[in-house]
Amino acid sequence: MEKVLATKLKMTQIWKGDAVASVSPLKLAESAKIEEFKEGDLVKVSGVTKGHGFQGVVKRYSFAGGPKTHGQKNRYRAPGSIGNTSPQRVVPGRKMAGRMGGKKKTIRNLTVIAINKDQGTILVKGSVPGNAGGKLTIIK
């Protein structure tokens, strides 16, 4: 199956049986392509993640940060040591502060929960990358 373009709508919840399922409604760019999907299909959804701008290491990589006492003053959210004394340089790949998000991400094995042919939308179980209104690519 070829790629199908879609737009992400606001994430919501539906009742499926006796449980609540978190779903992401996706509005297809071409309503005619909705015939290719049926409930229970596994799909891959690709899109650009939400951009978070320039972030520190605590938010970007879940670093613990430093102690709030024992002589610390303004180093609570600092990364700590960034290298040894022997190479006398910062080793490439070191986790440091920087731009976060805004990258292409693919989520695989998402289940199609429901199909609404009137509105041209499909409901996919779980979350998909990007903001509401963002462009997505669906591959069956």
Protein backbone atom coordinates (compact mmCIF):
# COMPACT_ATOMS: atom_id res chain seq x y z
CA MET A 1 0.00 0.00 0.00
CA GLU A 2 1.23 3.48 -0.80
CA LYS A 3 1.52 6.35 1.62
CA VAL A 4 -1.65 8.15 2.67
CA LEU A 5 -1.47 11.79 3.79
CA ALA A 6 -3.47 12.86 6.83
CA THR A 7 -3.88 15.65 9.37
CA LYS A 8 -3.74 15.07 13.12
CA LEU A 9 -6.81 16.17 15.07
CA LYS A 10 -6.99 16.67 18.84
CA MET A 11 -6.37 13.45 20.79
CA THR A 12 -9.40 12.06 22.62
CA GLN A 13 -10.85 8.96 24.31
CA ILE A 14 -13.60 6.53 23.35
CA TRP A 15 -15.32 3.63 25.06
CA LYS A 16 -14.41 0.30 23.48
CA GLY A 17 -16.19 -2.54 25.26
CA ASP A 18 -15.83 -1.99 29.01
CA ALA A 19 -12.60 0.03 28.80
CA VAL A 20 -11.61 3.54 27.78
CA ALA A 21 -9.18 3.72 24.86
CA SER A 22 -7.00 6.75 24.11
CA VAL A 23 -7.23 7.48 20.39
CA SER A 24 -5.79 9.91 17.86
CA PRO A 25 -8.25 10.91 15.13
CA LEU A 26 -6.59 11.34 11.73
CA LYS A 27 -8.37 13.19 8.92
CA LEU A 28 -7.35 11.79 5.55
CA ALA A 29 -6.38 14.24 2.80
CA GLU A 30 -8.29 12.17 0.23
CA SER A 31 -11.58 10.76 1.52
CA ALA A 32 -11.60 8.08 -1.20
CA LYS A 33 -8.58 6.37 0.40
CA ILE A 34 -10.61 5.55 3.52
CA GLU A 35 -11.79 2.37 1.79
CA GLU A 36 -8.28 0.92 2.12
CA PHE A 37 -8.53 0.79 5.93
CA LYS A 38 -10.58 -1.53 8.12
CA GLU A 39 -10.84 -1.95 11.89
CA GLY A 40 -7.98 -3.93 13.40
CA ASP A 41 -5.39 -2.96 10.77
CA LEU A 42 -1.86 -2.24 11.95
CA VAL A 43 -0.40 0.99 10.54
CA LYS A 44 2.79 3.07 10.72
CA VAL A 45 2.34 6.80 11.27
CA SER A 46 5.17 9.28 10.52
CA GLY A 47 5.28 12.96 11.36
CA VAL A 48 7.36 15.76 12.83
CA THR A 49 7.44 15.88 16.64
CA LYS A 50 6.50 18.93 18.68
CA GLY A 51 9.29 21.47 18.89
CA HIS A 52 10.39 22.47 22.42
CA GLY A 53 13.11 24.97 21.55
CA PHE A 54 16.40 25.20 23.46
CA GLN A 55 16.20 23.04 26.60
CA GLY A 56 18.58 22.09 29.38
CA VAL A 57 19.75 18.58 30.21
CA VAL A 58 17.16 18.01 32.95
CA LYS A 59 14.23 18.35 30.54
CA ARG A 60 15.99 17.10 27.42
CA TYR A 61 17.56 13.91 28.83
CA SER A 62 15.90 13.52 32.27
CA PHE A 63 19.12 14.22 34.19
CA ALA A 64 18.60 14.27 37.96
CA GLY A 65 20.26 17.63 38.63
CA GLY A 66 22.43 18.47 41.62
CA PRO A 67 21.66 18.57 45.34
CA LYS A 68 19.78 21.55 46.72
CA THR A 69 21.98 21.70 49.84
CA HIS A 70 25.59 20.91 50.88
CA GLY A 71 27.09 24.12 49.54
CA GLN A 72 25.27 24.27 46.19
CA LYS A 73 24.13 27.69 45.13
CA ASN A 74 22.94 27.88 41.51
CA ARG A 75 23.88 24.45 40.09
CA TYR A 76 20.61 22.57 40.64
CA ARG A 77 19.93 21.85 36.95
CA ALA A 78 23.53 21.67 35.67
CA PRO A 79 24.80 18.58 33.78
CA GLY A 80 27.78 17.97 36.09
CA SER A 81 31.18 16.94 34.77
CA ILE A 82 31.45 16.82 30.97
CA GLY A 83 34.70 14.86 30.58
CA ASN A 84 38.01 13.48 31.86
CA THR A 85 41.31 15.26 32.20
CA SER A 86 43.18 12.82 29.93
CA PRO A 87 41.69 13.55 26.49
CA GLN A 88 41.38 17.26 27.43
CA ARG A 89 38.36 17.71 25.20
CA VAL A 90 34.66 16.94 25.26
CA VAL A 91 34.00 13.52 23.72
CA PRO A 92 31.57 13.62 20.73
CA GLY A 93 28.02 12.50 21.52
CA ARG A 94 28.01 14.01 25.03
CA LYS A 95 24.48 14.74 26.23
CA MET A 96 24.25 18.51 26.66
CA ALA A 97 21.67 21.27 26.45
CA GLY A 98 20.33 22.10 22.98
CA ARG A 99 17.34 22.17 20.65
CA MET A 100 14.70 19.58 21.43
CA GLY A 101 11.97 18.14 19.20
CA GLY A 102 11.09 19.08 15.65
CA LYS A 103 12.43 15.80 14.23
CA LYS A 104 10.79 13.13 12.08
CA LYS A 105 9.41 10.25 14.13
CA THR A 106 7.65 7.04 13.07
CA ILE A 107 5.34 5.13 15.39
CA ARG A 108 4.79 1.52 14.31
CA ASN A 109 2.07 -1.05 15.00
CA LEU A 110 -0.76 1.35 15.80
CA THR A 111 -4.19 -0.28 15.63
CA VAL A 112 -7.09 1.25 13.71
CA ILE A 113 -9.93 1.34 16.26
CA ALA A 114 -12.75 2.94 14.26
CA ILE A 115 -13.46 4.46 10.85
CA ASN A 116 -15.82 7.39 10.18
CA LYS A 117 -16.51 7.49 6.43
CA ASP A 118 -18.80 10.54 6.64
CA GLN A 119 -16.08 12.78 8.10
CA GLY A 120 -13.18 11.01 6.35
CA THR A 121 -11.39 10.19 9.62
CA ILE A 122 -9.86 7.10 11.17
CA LEU A 123 -9.25 6.60 14.89
CA VAL A 124 -5.86 5.11 15.78
CA LYS A 125 -5.17 3.69 19.24
CA GLY A 126 -2.42 5.63 21.04
CA SER A 127 -0.56 8.83 20.28
CA VAL A 128 1.02 10.01 17.06
CA PRO A 129 3.80 12.60 16.65
CA GLY A 130 3.20 16.32 16.22
CA ASN A 131 0.81 19.08 17.13
CA ALA A 132 -2.90 19.06 16.39
CA GLY A 133 -3.25 20.10 12.77
CA GLY A 134 0.14 18.65 11.88
CA LYS A 135 0.73 16.71 8.65
CA LEU A 136 1.18 12.94 8.94
CA THR A 137 1.93 10.01 6.64
CA ILE A 138 0.13 6.69 7.17
CA ILE A 139 1.53 3.43 5.81
CA LYS A 140 -0.49 0.23 6.11
